[in-house]
Amino acid sequence: MIKMNNIFKQFAEWVTNLKDKPFLKARLKLTIYYTVGIVVILIIVNLGVYGFFVSDIPETIENKSSAIYEEEIRDRLETIIFTVNGFVILVVIGLSYYFAGKTLKPLEQVFKRQRKFIADAAHELRTPLTVMKTGAETILATSNNKYDYKKLLKDSLEEINFLSSIVDDLLFLAGNDDLKKVEFEKLDLGKLVRQQINLMETYSKKKGVSMLGNIKDEFFINGNKAYIKRLVINLLKNAIDYNNPNGKVNVFINKNKQFIELTIIDTGIGIAQKDLPNIFERFYKVDQARTKQSGGAGLGLSIVKEIVEIHAAQISIESKLNKGTTVTILFPLSQRLYS
C-alpha cells in the first residue's frame, strides 16, 4: 500500500512538472495523437482481415464436419491478431514519441533562443538605465554643483548613445527575423570598402590604430548597399576596438573564378579557440574586458552573420590570442538573391 502511494505521488509530481515543460507536454500529446490514429487504422484493417478469413473458414473445412476445428482456427486467428497488434502498438508508441521529438525540436530550439534573446536584451537595456537612474538620484540628493550636473549629462549621453545603438541593432535583427523584403543592386565592393575605411580613419587614429587598404580594382557584387556598409563598418570597428596600441588593420579584396573575397586582418588581442564557435550568437561576449573596451552589446557579429546569409555569402574567422584575427567573406560572383 505504501509503495502504491509513493507511485501515485511520483506520478502526480511528474504531471505537475509538465506545466513547466510545455514541449514535453506537447510531445506526449503528439505521441498520443499519432498512436490513436494508428490504432484506429489497425482496428479497421484487422476487422476487415478477420471478417475475410472467418468467412472462408466454413469452405476450408467443409470436408471436416467439426465445429471444434472451426472454433480452434478462430481462436488461433484472434491470438495472432492480438499478439501482432500489441507488438505493432508498442513499436508505434516508441516511433511516435521519437518523431514527435524530432518534429518539436526545431521549435523548442527557436523558443529557447528567443527566451535567451529577450533576457539578454532586457539585461543590456537595464544596465545603462540603472546607471542613469542611480547617477540622477545621487546628484539630486547630494549636490548643487553645476560641474556635477554637467558630468551627469555627459555620462547620461554616453549611455543614451549605447541604448540607441542596441535598439538599432535589435530592430535590424527583428526585421530580418520577419523575413522582410530586401532590395539588391549592382555594387562596387571595392569603392564601398574604400569609403568606409576613409570614414573610420579618424576613429582609428583616436584609438592609435593604423588602417591599410590598397584597393584599386573594381569588384562588383549584387547586394544591398546599406547592409554591406553596415557589415564593413562592424568588422572594421571590431578590428580597431580589439587591437593593440600602435596596431594595424589590413583590408584586402581579391577575385577568382567563383568568389570576390573580402579579408580584414588585425594585429589585435585575438579570440580564444573555445570562443570561436559562439561568436556569432546574439549578445555573446568573449569577456567583460573586451565588452568594456568596445562599448558593444555583443550584437555586431550577429548582424554581420545575418547580412552574410542574406547575400548568400560565406564567412570564416581565424584568430589567435595576442596575435590577431583574420575575417574572410566570400561573395559569389553569380548568385540568386532575394528581390
C-alpha atoms as a PDB file:
ATOM      1  CA  MET A   1       0.000   0.000   0.000  1.00  0.00           C
ATOM      2  CA  ILE A   2       2.847   2.369   0.873  1.00  0.00           C
ATOM      3  CA  LYS A   3       4.577   1.574  -2.434  1.00  0.00           C
ATOM      4  CA  MET A   4       1.374   2.312  -4.372  1.00  0.00           C
ATOM      5  CA  ASN A   5       1.020   5.646  -2.571  1.00  0.00           C
ATOM      6  CA  ASN A   6       4.621   6.550  -3.483  1.00  0.00           C
ATOM      7  CA  ILE A   7       3.981   5.614  -7.102  1.00  0.00           C
ATOM      8  CA  PHE A   8       0.841   7.761  -7.235  1.00  0.00           C
ATOM      9  CA  LYS A   9       2.700  10.610  -5.526  1.00  0.00           C
ATOM     10  CA  GLN A  10       5.569  10.451  -8.022  1.00  0.00           C
ATOM     11  CA  PHE A  11       3.118  10.312 -10.886  1.00  0.00           C
ATOM     12  CA  ALA A  12       1.265  13.370  -9.533  1.00  0.00           C
ATOM     13  CA  GLU A  13       4.565  15.282  -9.252  1.00  0.00           C
ATOM     14  CA  TRP A  14       5.502  14.279 -12.792  1.00  0.00           C
ATOM     15  CA  VAL A  15       2.149  15.514 -14.133  1.00  0.00           C
ATOM     16  CA  THR A  16       2.557  18.789 -12.197  1.00  0.00           C
ATOM     17  CA  ASN A  17       6.054  19.287 -13.624  1.00  0.00           C
ATOM     18  CA  LEU A  18       4.625  19.015 -17.143  1.00  0.00           C
ATOM     19  CA  LYS A  19       3.235  22.527 -16.674  1.00  0.00           C
ATOM     20  CA  ASP A  20       6.808  23.813 -16.562  1.00  0.00           C
ATOM     21  CA  LYS A  21       7.809  21.706 -19.590  1.00  0.00           C
ATOM     22  CA  PRO A  22       5.434  22.711 -22.400  1.00  0.00           C
ATOM     23  CA  PHE A  23       7.435  20.954 -25.110  1.00  0.00           C
ATOM     24  CA  LEU A  24       7.470  17.642 -23.227  1.00  0.00           C
ATOM     25  CA  LYS A  25       3.727  18.027 -22.731  1.00  0.00           C
ATOM     26  CA  ALA A  26       3.281  18.747 -26.446  1.00  0.00           C
ATOM     27  CA  ARG A  27       5.495  15.753 -27.310  1.00  0.00           C
ATOM     28  CA  LEU A  28       3.338  13.434 -25.207  1.00  0.00           C
ATOM     29  CA  LYS A  29       0.184  14.833 -26.795  1.00  0.00           C
ATOM     30  CA  LEU A  30       1.563  14.271 -30.289  1.00  0.00           C
ATOM     31  CA  THR A  31       2.571  10.740 -29.290  1.00  0.00           C
ATOM     32  CA  ILE A  32      -0.990  10.060 -28.146  1.00  0.00           C
ATOM     33  CA  TYR A  33      -2.479  11.553 -31.316  1.00  0.00           C
ATOM     34  CA  TYR A  34      -0.161   9.539 -33.567  1.00  0.00           C
ATOM     35  CA  THR A  35      -0.813   6.340 -31.604  1.00  0.00           C
ATOM     36  CA  VAL A  36      -4.604   6.787 -31.587  1.00  0.00           C
ATOM     37  CA  GLY A  37      -4.561   7.396 -35.320  1.00  0.00           C
ATOM     38  CA  ILE A  38      -2.568   4.237 -35.992  1.00  0.00           C
ATOM     39  CA  VAL A  39      -4.742   2.201 -33.589  1.00  0.00           C
ATOM     40  CA  VAL A  40      -7.911   3.301 -35.409  1.00  0.00           C
ATOM     41  CA  ILE A  41      -6.358   2.271 -38.730  1.00  0.00           C
ATOM     42  CA  LEU A  42      -5.286  -1.080 -37.235  1.00  0.00           C
ATOM     43  CA  ILE A  43      -8.785  -1.751 -35.902  1.00  0.00           C
ATOM     44  CA  ILE A  44     -10.332  -1.082 -39.298  1.00  0.00           C
ATOM     45  CA  VAL A  45      -7.761  -3.245 -41.099  1.00  0.00           C
ATOM     46  CA  ASN A  46      -7.988  -6.065 -38.545  1.00  0.00           C
ATOM     47  CA  LEU A  47     -11.792  -6.165 -38.695  1.00  0.00           C
ATOM     48  CA  GLY A  48     -11.570  -6.454 -42.446  1.00  0.00           C
ATOM     49  CA  VAL A  49      -8.885  -9.159 -42.330  1.00  0.00           C
ATOM     50  CA  TYR A  50     -10.659 -11.078 -39.574  1.00  0.00           C
ATOM     51  CA  GLY A  51     -14.007 -10.936 -41.373  1.00  0.00           C
ATOM     52  CA  PHE A  52     -12.401 -12.060 -44.641  1.00  0.00           C
ATOM     53  CA  PHE A  53     -10.688 -15.111 -43.125  1.00  0.00           C
ATOM     54  CA  VAL A  54     -13.616 -16.092 -40.882  1.00  0.00           C
ATOM     55  CA  SER A  55     -15.985 -16.030 -43.833  1.00  0.00           C
ATOM     56  CA  ASP A  56     -13.716 -18.517 -45.644  1.00  0.00           C
ATOM     57  CA  ILE A  57     -13.389 -20.966 -42.741  1.00  0.00           C
ATOM     58  CA  PRO A  58     -16.560 -22.985 -43.484  1.00  0.00           C
ATOM     59  CA  GLU A  59     -15.448 -23.502 -47.086  1.00  0.00           C
ATOM     60  CA  THR A  60     -11.973 -24.578 -45.944  1.00  0.00           C
ATOM     61  CA  ILE A  61     -13.262 -27.225 -43.576  1.00  0.00           C
ATOM     62  CA  GLU A  62     -16.352 -28.384 -45.487  1.00  0.00           C
ATOM     63  CA  ASN A  63     -14.879 -31.874 -45.682  1.00  0.00           C
ATOM     64  CA  LYS A  64     -14.340 -31.868 -41.915  1.00  0.00           C
ATOM     65  CA  SER A  65     -17.650 -31.531 -40.206  1.00  0.00           C
ATOM     66  CA  SER A  66     -16.121 -30.325 -36.988  1.00  0.00           C
ATOM     67  CA  ALA A  67     -17.293 -27.215 -35.154  1.00  0.00           C
ATOM     68  CA  ILE A  68     -14.398 -27.681 -32.722  1.00  0.00           C
ATOM     69  CA  TYR A  69     -11.872 -27.350 -35.518  1.00  0.00           C
ATOM     70  CA  GLU A  70     -13.557 -24.155 -36.740  1.00  0.00           C
ATOM     71  CA  GLU A  71     -13.506 -22.692 -33.225  1.00  0.00           C
ATOM     72  CA  GLU A  72      -9.828 -23.578 -32.872  1.00  0.00           C
ATOM     73  CA  ILE A  73      -8.988 -21.729 -36.099  1.00  0.00           C
ATOM     74  CA  ARG A  74     -10.909 -18.704 -34.891  1.00  0.00           C
ATOM     75  CA  ASP A  75      -9.044 -18.716 -31.550  1.00  0.00           C
ATOM     76  CA  ARG A  76      -5.662 -19.009 -33.235  1.00  0.00           C
ATOM     77  CA  LEU A  77      -6.513 -16.198 -35.640  1.00  0.00           C
ATOM     78  CA  GLU A  78      -7.616 -13.941 -32.784  1.00  0.00           C
ATOM     79  CA  THR A  79      -4.475 -14.779 -30.804  1.00  0.00           C
ATOM     80  CA  ILE A  80      -2.249 -13.960 -33.770  1.00  0.00           C
ATOM     81  CA  ILE A  81      -4.078 -10.693 -34.451  1.00  0.00           C
ATOM     82  CA  PHE A  82      -3.913  -9.549 -30.803  1.00  0.00           C
ATOM     83  CA  THR A  83      -0.234 -10.508 -30.479  1.00  0.00           C
ATOM     84  CA  VAL A  84       0.788  -8.795 -33.684  1.00  0.00           C
ATOM     85  CA  ASN A  85      -1.304  -5.724 -32.891  1.00  0.00           C
ATOM     86  CA  GLY A  86       0.154  -5.480 -29.391  1.00  0.00           C
ATOM     87  CA  PHE A  87       3.670  -5.561 -30.777  1.00  0.00           C
ATOM     88  CA  VAL A  88       2.797  -3.051 -33.515  1.00  0.00           C
ATOM     89  CA  ILE A  89       1.217  -0.661 -30.989  1.00  0.00           C
ATOM     90  CA  LEU A  90       4.310  -0.758 -28.778  1.00  0.00           C
ATOM     91  CA  VAL A  91       6.502  -0.015 -31.798  1.00  0.00           C
ATOM     92  CA  VAL A  92       4.124   2.767 -32.870  1.00  0.00           C
ATOM     93  CA  ILE A  93       4.249   4.377 -29.406  1.00  0.00           C
ATOM     94  CA  GLY A  94       8.054   4.368 -29.454  1.00  0.00           C
ATOM     95  CA  LEU A  95       8.266   5.702 -33.004  1.00  0.00           C
ATOM     96  CA  SER A  96       5.551   8.294 -32.321  1.00  0.00           C
ATOM     97  CA  TYR A  97       7.426   9.589 -29.287  1.00  0.00           C
ATOM     98  CA  TYR A  98      10.662   9.714 -31.278  1.00  0.00           C
ATOM     99  CA  PHE A  99       9.210  11.505 -34.308  1.00  0.00           C
ATOM    100  CA  ALA A 100       7.198  13.873 -32.103  1.00  0.00           C
ATOM    101  CA  GLY A 101      10.500  14.880 -30.506  1.00  0.00           C
ATOM    102  CA  LYS A 102      12.108  15.352 -33.928  1.00  0.00           C
ATOM    103  CA  THR A 103       9.143  17.459 -35.042  1.00  0.00           C
ATOM    104  CA  LEU A 104       9.208  19.725 -31.995  1.00  0.00           C
ATOM    105  CA  LYS A 105      12.986  20.036 -31.612  1.00  0.00           C
ATOM    106  CA  PRO A 106      13.439  22.958 -34.089  1.00  0.00           C
ATOM    107  CA  LEU A 107      10.536  24.809 -32.455  1.00  0.00           C
ATOM    108  CA  GLU A 108      11.983  24.187 -28.994  1.00  0.00           C
ATOM    109  CA  GLN A 109      15.394  25.488 -30.092  1.00  0.00           C
ATOM    110  CA  VAL A 110      13.811  28.639 -31.557  1.00  0.00           C
ATOM    111  CA  PHE A 111      11.772  29.102 -28.371  1.00  0.00           C
ATOM    112  CA  LYS A 112      14.861  28.752 -26.160  1.00  0.00           C
ATOM    113  CA  ARG A 113      16.883  31.149 -28.341  1.00  0.00           C
ATOM    114  CA  GLN A 114      14.067  33.677 -28.235  1.00  0.00           C
ATOM    115  CA  ARG A 115      13.777  33.456 -24.445  1.00  0.00           C
ATOM    116  CA  LYS A 116      17.534  33.864 -24.096  1.00  0.00           C
ATOM    117  CA  PHE A 117      17.487  36.746 -26.569  1.00  0.00           C
ATOM    118  CA  ILE A 118      14.755  38.558 -24.635  1.00  0.00           C
ATOM    119  CA  ALA A 119      16.534  38.013 -21.313  1.00  0.00           C
ATOM    120  CA  ASP A 120      19.860  39.229 -22.729  1.00  0.00           C
ATOM    121  CA  ALA A 121      18.232  42.240 -24.368  1.00  0.00           C
ATOM    122  CA  ALA A 122      16.474  43.173 -21.113  1.00  0.00           C
ATOM    123  CA  HIS A 123      19.769  42.878 -19.238  1.00  0.00           C
ATOM    124  CA  GLU A 124      21.640  45.054 -21.744  1.00  0.00           C
ATOM    125  CA  LEU A 125      18.918  47.707 -21.706  1.00  0.00           C
ATOM    126  CA  ARG A 126      18.585  47.673 -17.930  1.00  0.00           C
ATOM    127  CA  THR A 127      22.276  48.314 -17.227  1.00  0.00           C
ATOM    128  CA  PRO A 128      22.548  51.821 -18.785  1.00  0.00           C
ATOM    129  CA  LEU A 129      19.128  52.753 -17.415  1.00  0.00           C
ATOM    130  CA  THR A 130      20.292  51.784 -13.929  1.00  0.00           C
ATOM    131  CA  VAL A 131      23.470  53.839 -14.351  1.00  0.00           C
ATOM    132  CA  MET A 132      21.498  56.939 -15.391  1.00  0.00           C
ATOM    133  CA  LYS A 133      18.874  56.463 -12.669  1.00  0.00           C
ATOM    134  CA  THR A 134      21.462  55.973  -9.913  1.00  0.00           C
ATOM    135  CA  GLY A 135      23.524  58.946 -11.090  1.00  0.00           C
ATOM    136  CA  ALA A 136      20.497  61.251 -11.257  1.00  0.00           C
ATOM    137  CA  GLU A 137      19.254  60.202  -7.807  1.00  0.00           C
ATOM    138  CA  THR A 138      22.707  60.712  -6.270  1.00  0.00           C
ATOM    139  CA  ILE A 139      23.240  64.156  -7.810  1.00  0.00           C
ATOM    140  CA  LEU A 140      19.739  65.353  -6.901  1.00  0.00           C
ATOM    141  CA  ALA A 141      20.127  64.170  -3.302  1.00  0.00           C
ATOM    142  CA  THR A 142      23.662  65.342  -2.571  1.00  0.00           C
ATOM    143  CA  SER A 143      24.843  68.074  -4.917  1.00  0.00           C
ATOM    144  CA  ASN A 144      24.010  71.530  -6.260  1.00  0.00           C
ATOM    145  CA  ASN A 145      27.310  71.827  -8.127  1.00  0.00           C
ATOM    146  CA  LYS A 146      26.977  72.695 -11.840  1.00  0.00           C
ATOM    147  CA  TYR A 147      30.042  70.591 -12.579  1.00  0.00           C
ATOM    148  CA  ASP A 148      28.303  67.501 -11.157  1.00  0.00           C
ATOM    149  CA  TYR A 149      25.201  68.182 -13.252  1.00  0.00           C
ATOM    150  CA  LYS A 150      27.328  68.628 -16.358  1.00  0.00           C
ATOM    151  CA  LYS A 151      29.154  65.357 -15.675  1.00  0.00           C
ATOM    152  CA  LEU A 152      25.813  63.617 -15.156  1.00  0.00           C
ATOM    153  CA  LEU A 153      24.566  64.877 -18.531  1.00  0.00           C
ATOM    154  CA  LYS A 154      27.778  63.740 -20.224  1.00  0.00           C
ATOM    155  CA  ASP A 155      27.591  60.267 -18.678  1.00  0.00           C
ATOM    156  CA  SER A 156      23.887  60.032 -19.482  1.00  0.00           C
ATOM    157  CA  LEU A 157      24.554  60.977 -23.108  1.00  0.00           C
ATOM    158  CA  GLU A 158      27.067  58.146 -23.410  1.00  0.00           C
ATOM    159  CA  GLU A 159      24.535  55.685 -22.003  1.00  0.00           C
ATOM    160  CA  ILE A 160      21.825  57.044 -24.326  1.00  0.00           C
ATOM    161  CA  ASN A 161      24.105  56.546 -27.323  1.00  0.00           C
ATOM    162  CA  PHE A 162      24.734  52.996 -26.145  1.00  0.00           C
ATOM    163  CA  LEU A 163      20.984  52.401 -25.779  1.00  0.00           C
ATOM    164  CA  SER A 164      20.366  53.853 -29.217  1.00  0.00           C
ATOM    165  CA  SER A 165      22.968  51.525 -30.693  1.00  0.00           C
ATOM    166  CA  ILE A 166      21.352  48.491 -29.049  1.00  0.00           C
ATOM    167  CA  VAL A 167      17.885  49.492 -30.238  1.00  0.00           C
ATOM    168  CA  ASP A 168      19.123  49.961 -33.817  1.00  0.00           C
ATOM    169  CA  ASP A 169      20.771  46.530 -33.731  1.00  0.00           C
ATOM    170  CA  LEU A 170      17.672  44.901 -32.268  1.00  0.00           C
ATOM    171  CA  LEU A 171      15.451  46.487 -34.913  1.00  0.00           C
ATOM    172  CA  PHE A 172      17.781  45.236 -37.636  1.00  0.00           C
ATOM    173  CA  LEU A 173      17.757  41.678 -36.285  1.00  0.00           C
ATOM    174  CA  ALA A 174      13.993  41.732 -35.694  1.00  0.00           C
ATOM    175  CA  GLY A 175      13.450  42.954 -39.250  1.00  0.00           C
ATOM    176  CA  ASN A 176      15.427  40.042 -40.666  1.00  0.00           C
ATOM    177  CA  ASP A 177      13.668  37.564 -38.388  1.00  0.00           C
ATOM    178  CA  ASP A 178      10.435  38.727 -40.008  1.00  0.00           C
ATOM    179  CA  LEU A 179      11.928  37.959 -43.454  1.00  0.00           C
ATOM    180  CA  LYS A 180      11.213  41.425 -44.748  1.00  0.00           C
ATOM    181  CA  LYS A 181      11.865  42.218 -48.385  1.00  0.00           C
ATOM    182  CA  VAL A 182      15.421  43.322 -49.124  1.00  0.00           C
ATOM    183  CA  GLU A 183      16.335  45.309 -52.239  1.00  0.00           C
ATOM    184  CA  PHE A 184      19.517  44.408 -54.165  1.00  0.00           C
ATOM    185  CA  GLU A 185      21.555  46.247 -56.759  1.00  0.00           C
ATOM    186  CA  LYS A 186      24.896  46.041 -58.525  1.00  0.00           C
ATOM    187  CA  LEU A 187      27.550  47.364 -56.104  1.00  0.00           C
ATOM    188  CA  ASP A 188      31.236  48.119 -56.408  1.00  0.00           C
ATOM    189  CA  LEU A 189      32.500  46.466 -53.237  1.00  0.00           C
ATOM    190  CA  GLY A 190      35.957  47.986 -53.674  1.00  0.00           C
ATOM    191  CA  LYS A 191      34.618  51.527 -53.807  1.00  0.00           C
ATOM    192  CA  LEU A 192      32.300  50.960 -50.854  1.00  0.00           C
ATOM    193  CA  VAL A 193      35.098  49.490 -48.689  1.00  0.00           C
ATOM    194  CA  ARG A 194      37.443  52.386 -49.537  1.00  0.00           C
ATOM    195  CA  GLN A 195      34.738  54.852 -48.466  1.00  0.00           C
ATOM    196  CA  GLN A 196      34.224  53.093 -45.133  1.00  0.00           C
ATOM    197  CA  ILE A 197      37.974  52.997 -44.483  1.00  0.00           C
ATOM    198  CA  ASN A 198      38.128  56.760 -45.042  1.00  0.00           C
ATOM    199  CA  LEU A 199      35.157  57.321 -42.740  1.00  0.00           C
ATOM    200  CA  MET A 200      36.754  55.214 -39.975  1.00  0.00           C
ATOM    201  CA  GLU A 201      40.184  56.850 -40.301  1.00  0.00           C
ATOM    202  CA  THR A 202      39.582  59.472 -37.611  1.00  0.00           C
ATOM    203  CA  TYR A 203      38.203  56.832 -35.244  1.00  0.00           C
ATOM    204  CA  SER A 204      41.170  54.524 -35.829  1.00  0.00           C
ATOM    205  CA  LYS A 205      43.689  57.314 -35.237  1.00  0.00           C
ATOM    206  CA  LYS A 206      41.952  58.185 -31.985  1.00  0.00           C
ATOM    207  CA  LYS A 207      42.434  54.537 -30.935  1.00  0.00           C
ATOM    208  CA  GLY A 208      46.066  54.550 -32.069  1.00  0.00           C
ATOM    209  CA  VAL A 209      45.465  52.019 -34.848  1.00  0.00           C
ATOM    210  CA  SER A 210      46.547  52.415 -38.477  1.00  0.00           C
ATOM    211  CA  MET A 211      44.409  51.095 -41.352  1.00  0.00           C
ATOM    212  CA  LEU A 212      45.790  49.982 -44.693  1.00  0.00           C
ATOM    213  CA  GLY A 213      43.515  49.294 -47.640  1.00  0.00           C
ATOM    214  CA  ASN A 214      45.199  49.488 -51.013  1.00  0.00           C
ATOM    215  CA  ILE A 215      42.091  48.567 -53.052  1.00  0.00           C
ATOM    216  CA  LYS A 216      42.245  49.744 -56.672  1.00  0.00           C
ATOM    217  CA  ASP A 217      40.321  47.357 -58.900  1.00  0.00           C
ATOM    218  CA  GLU A 218      36.545  47.281 -59.299  1.00  0.00           C
ATOM    219  CA  PHE A 219      34.792  44.380 -57.577  1.00  0.00           C
ATOM    220  CA  PHE A 220      31.091  44.191 -58.405  1.00  0.00           C
ATOM    221  CA  ILE A 221      28.582  42.158 -56.402  1.00  0.00           C
ATOM    222  CA  ASN A 222      24.785  42.038 -56.136  1.00  0.00           C
ATOM    223  CA  GLY A 223      23.727  43.288 -52.733  1.00  0.00           C
ATOM    224  CA  ASN A 224      22.012  45.774 -50.502  1.00  0.00           C
ATOM    225  CA  LYS A 225      24.166  48.881 -50.154  1.00  0.00           C
ATOM    226  CA  ALA A 226      23.059  49.794 -46.623  1.00  0.00           C
ATOM    227  CA  TYR A 227      23.611  46.246 -45.389  1.00  0.00           C
ATOM    228  CA  ILE A 228      27.060  45.892 -46.954  1.00  0.00           C
ATOM    229  CA  LYS A 229      28.078  49.233 -45.427  1.00  0.00           C
ATOM    230  CA  ARG A 230      26.942  48.035 -42.030  1.00  0.00           C
ATOM    231  CA  LEU A 231      28.826  44.773 -42.454  1.00  0.00           C
ATOM    232  CA  VAL A 232      32.084  46.550 -43.340  1.00  0.00           C
ATOM    233  CA  ILE A 233      31.724  49.134 -40.562  1.00  0.00           C
ATOM    234  CA  ASN A 234      31.043  46.452 -37.934  1.00  0.00           C
ATOM    235  CA  LEU A 235      34.098  44.445 -38.996  1.00  0.00           C
ATOM    236  CA  LEU A 236      36.385  47.484 -39.177  1.00  0.00           C
ATOM    237  CA  LYS A 237      35.174  48.734 -35.792  1.00  0.00           C
ATOM    238  CA  ASN A 238      35.846  45.329 -34.212  1.00  0.00           C
ATOM    239  CA  ALA A 239      39.306  45.228 -35.775  1.00  0.00           C
ATOM    240  CA  ILE A 240      40.051  48.673 -34.303  1.00  0.00           C
ATOM    241  CA  ASP A 241      38.407  48.246 -30.883  1.00  0.00           C
ATOM    242  CA  TYR A 242      40.082  44.922 -30.147  1.00  0.00           C
ATOM    243  CA  ASN A 243      43.507  45.944 -31.410  1.00  0.00           C
ATOM    244  CA  ASN A 244      46.653  46.813 -29.511  1.00  0.00           C
ATOM    245  CA  PRO A 245      48.208  50.289 -29.217  1.00  0.00           C
ATOM    246  CA  ASN A 246      50.043  51.056 -32.474  1.00  0.00           C
ATOM    247  CA  GLY A 247      48.279  48.088 -34.015  1.00  0.00           C
ATOM    248  CA  LYS A 248      47.352  47.642 -37.672  1.00  0.00           C
ATOM    249  CA  VAL A 249      44.285  46.709 -39.711  1.00  0.00           C
ATOM    250  CA  ASN A 250      44.837  45.475 -43.273  1.00  0.00           C
ATOM    251  CA  VAL A 251      41.983  45.184 -45.749  1.00  0.00           C
ATOM    252  CA  PHE A 252      42.196  43.200 -48.990  1.00  0.00           C
ATOM    253  CA  ILE A 253      39.805  42.359 -51.810  1.00  0.00           C
ATOM    254  CA  ASN A 254      40.610  39.613 -54.303  1.00  0.00           C
ATOM    255  CA  LYS A 255      38.714  37.975 -57.136  1.00  0.00           C
ATOM    256  CA  ASN A 256      38.771  34.458 -58.552  1.00  0.00           C
ATOM    257  CA  LYS A 257      36.517  32.448 -60.854  1.00  0.00           C
ATOM    258  CA  GLN A 258      33.860  31.863 -58.199  1.00  0.00           C
ATOM    259  CA  PHE A 259      34.140  34.486 -55.482  1.00  0.00           C
ATOM    260  CA  ILE A 260      35.040  38.015 -54.559  1.00  0.00           C
ATOM    261  CA  GLU A 261      36.993  37.702 -51.320  1.00  0.00           C
ATOM    262  CA  LEU A 262      36.960  40.429 -48.658  1.00  0.00           C
ATOM    263  CA  THR A 263      39.650  39.930 -45.995  1.00  0.00           C
ATOM    264  CA  ILE A 264      40.225  42.034 -42.864  1.00  0.00           C
ATOM    265  CA  ILE A 265      43.334  41.260 -40.800  1.00  0.00           C
ATOM    266  CA  ASP A 266      44.143  42.897 -37.480  1.00  0.00           C
ATOM    267  CA  THR A 267      47.062  42.627 -35.060  1.00  0.00           C
ATOM    268  CA  GLY A 268      44.785  42.734 -32.035  1.00  0.00           C
ATOM    269  CA  ILE A 269      44.185  40.776 -28.867  1.00  0.00           C
ATOM    270  CA  GLY A 270      42.594  37.833 -30.669  1.00  0.00           C
ATOM    271  CA  ILE A 271      39.909  35.348 -29.653  1.00  0.00           C
ATOM    272  CA  ALA A 272      40.368  32.083 -27.766  1.00  0.00           C
ATOM    273  CA  GLN A 273      39.659  28.899 -29.722  1.00  0.00           C
ATOM    274  CA  LYS A 274      36.933  27.888 -27.255  1.00  0.00           C
ATOM    275  CA  ASP A 275      35.024  31.099 -28.023  1.00  0.00           C
ATOM    276  CA  LEU A 276      35.222  30.987 -31.827  1.00  0.00           C
ATOM    277  CA  PRO A 277      32.205  28.652 -32.320  1.00  0.00           C
ATOM    278  CA  ASN A 278      29.971  31.039 -30.348  1.00  0.00           C
ATOM    279  CA  ILE A 279      30.991  34.484 -31.582  1.00  0.00           C
ATOM    280  CA  PHE A 280      28.016  34.833 -33.944  1.00  0.00           C
ATOM    281  CA  GLU A 281      25.480  34.250 -31.177  1.00  0.00           C
ATOM    282  CA  ARG A 282      23.452  37.274 -30.160  1.00  0.00           C
ATOM    283  CA  PHE A 283      24.767  39.022 -27.040  1.00  0.00           C
ATOM    284  CA  TYR A 284      27.674  36.588 -26.797  1.00  0.00           C
ATOM    285  CA  LYS A 285      30.653  38.278 -25.158  1.00  0.00           C
ATOM    286  CA  VAL A 286      34.108  36.748 -25.047  1.00  0.00           C
ATOM    287  CA  ASP A 287      34.929  38.552 -21.805  1.00  0.00           C
ATOM    288  CA  GLN A 288      33.975  41.686 -19.939  1.00  0.00           C
ATOM    289  CA  ALA A 289      37.276  43.403 -20.749  1.00  0.00           C
ATOM    290  CA  ARG A 290      36.518  43.200 -24.468  1.00  0.00           C
ATOM    291  CA  THR A 291      32.996  44.465 -23.865  1.00  0.00           C
ATOM    292  CA  LYS A 292      34.131  47.491 -21.880  1.00  0.00           C
ATOM    293  CA  GLN A 293      36.843  48.186 -24.428  1.00  0.00           C
ATOM    294  CA  SER A 294      34.428  48.321 -27.345  1.00  0.00           C
ATOM    295  CA  GLY A 295      31.313  49.599 -25.607  1.00  0.00           C
ATOM    296  CA  GLY A 296      29.316  46.988 -27.534  1.00  0.00           C
ATOM    297  CA  ALA A 297      26.477  44.709 -26.527  1.00  0.00           C
ATOM    298  CA  GLY A 298      27.586  41.622 -28.413  1.00  0.00           C
ATOM    299  CA  LEU A 299      25.352  42.095 -31.463  1.00  0.00           C
ATOM    300  CA  GLY A 300      27.898  43.270 -34.056  1.00  0.00           C
ATOM    301  CA  LEU A 301      28.967  39.856 -35.346  1.00  0.00           C
ATOM    302  CA  SER A 302      25.400  38.541 -35.177  1.00  0.00           C
ATOM    303  CA  ILE A 303      24.423  41.303 -37.588  1.00  0.00           C
ATOM    304  CA  VAL A 304      27.428  40.518 -39.794  1.00  0.00           C
ATOM    305  CA  LYS A 305      26.330  36.870 -39.927  1.00  0.00           C
ATOM    306  CA  GLU A 306      22.765  37.874 -40.861  1.00  0.00           C
ATOM    307  CA  ILE A 307      23.991  40.104 -43.691  1.00  0.00           C
ATOM    308  CA  VAL A 308      26.348  37.415 -44.980  1.00  0.00           C
ATOM    309  CA  GLU A 309      23.495  34.884 -45.111  1.00  0.00           C
ATOM    310  CA  ILE A 310      21.149  37.343 -46.830  1.00  0.00           C
ATOM    311  CA  HIS A 311      23.761  37.776 -49.578  1.00  0.00           C
ATOM    312  CA  ALA A 312      24.333  34.009 -49.960  1.00  0.00           C
ATOM    313  CA  ALA A 313      27.948  34.579 -48.957  1.00  0.00           C
ATOM    314  CA  GLN A 314      30.297  32.698 -46.626  1.00  0.00           C
ATOM    315  CA  ILE A 315      32.239  33.960 -43.614  1.00  0.00           C
ATOM    316  CA  SER A 316      35.134  32.439 -41.708  1.00  0.00           C
ATOM    317  CA  ILE A 317      37.169  33.756 -38.780  1.00  0.00           C
ATOM    318  CA  GLU A 318      40.638  32.653 -37.720  1.00  0.00           C
ATOM    319  CA  SER A 319      42.189  34.038 -34.561  1.00  0.00           C
ATOM    320  CA  LYS A 320      44.986  33.531 -32.056  1.00  0.00           C
ATOM    321  CA  LEU A 321      45.198  35.154 -28.655  1.00  0.00           C
ATOM    322  CA  ASN A 322      47.522  38.182 -28.575  1.00  0.00           C
ATOM    323  CA  LYS A 323      48.348  37.734 -32.272  1.00  0.00           C
ATOM    324  CA  GLY A 324      45.297  38.951 -34.122  1.00  0.00           C
ATOM    325  CA  THR A 325      42.216  37.960 -36.091  1.00  0.00           C
ATOM    326  CA  THR A 326      41.509  37.347 -39.773  1.00  0.00           C
ATOM    327  CA  VAL A 327      37.957  37.654 -41.117  1.00  0.00           C
ATOM    328  CA  THR A 328      37.252  36.384 -44.629  1.00  0.00           C
ATOM    329  CA  ILE A 329      33.975  36.809 -46.530  1.00  0.00           C
ATOM    330  CA  LEU A 330      33.348  35.160 -49.893  1.00  0.00           C
ATOM    331  CA  PHE A 331      30.726  36.814 -52.115  1.00  0.00           C
ATOM    332  CA  PRO A 332      29.593  34.630 -55.056  1.00  0.00           C
ATOM    333  CA  LEU A 333      30.156  36.158 -58.488  1.00  0.00           C
ATOM    334  CA  SER A 334      26.782  34.904 -59.702  1.00  0.00           C
ATOM    335  CA  GLN A 335      24.061  34.419 -57.128  1.00  0.00           C
ATOM    336  CA  ARG A 336      20.314  34.145 -56.920  1.00  0.00           C
ATOM    337  CA  LEU A 337      19.300  36.567 -54.225  1.00  0.00           C
ATOM    338  CA  TYR A 338      16.055  37.740 -52.744  1.00  0.00           C
ATOM    339  CA  SER A 339      14.402  40.551 -54.676  1.00  0.00           C
END
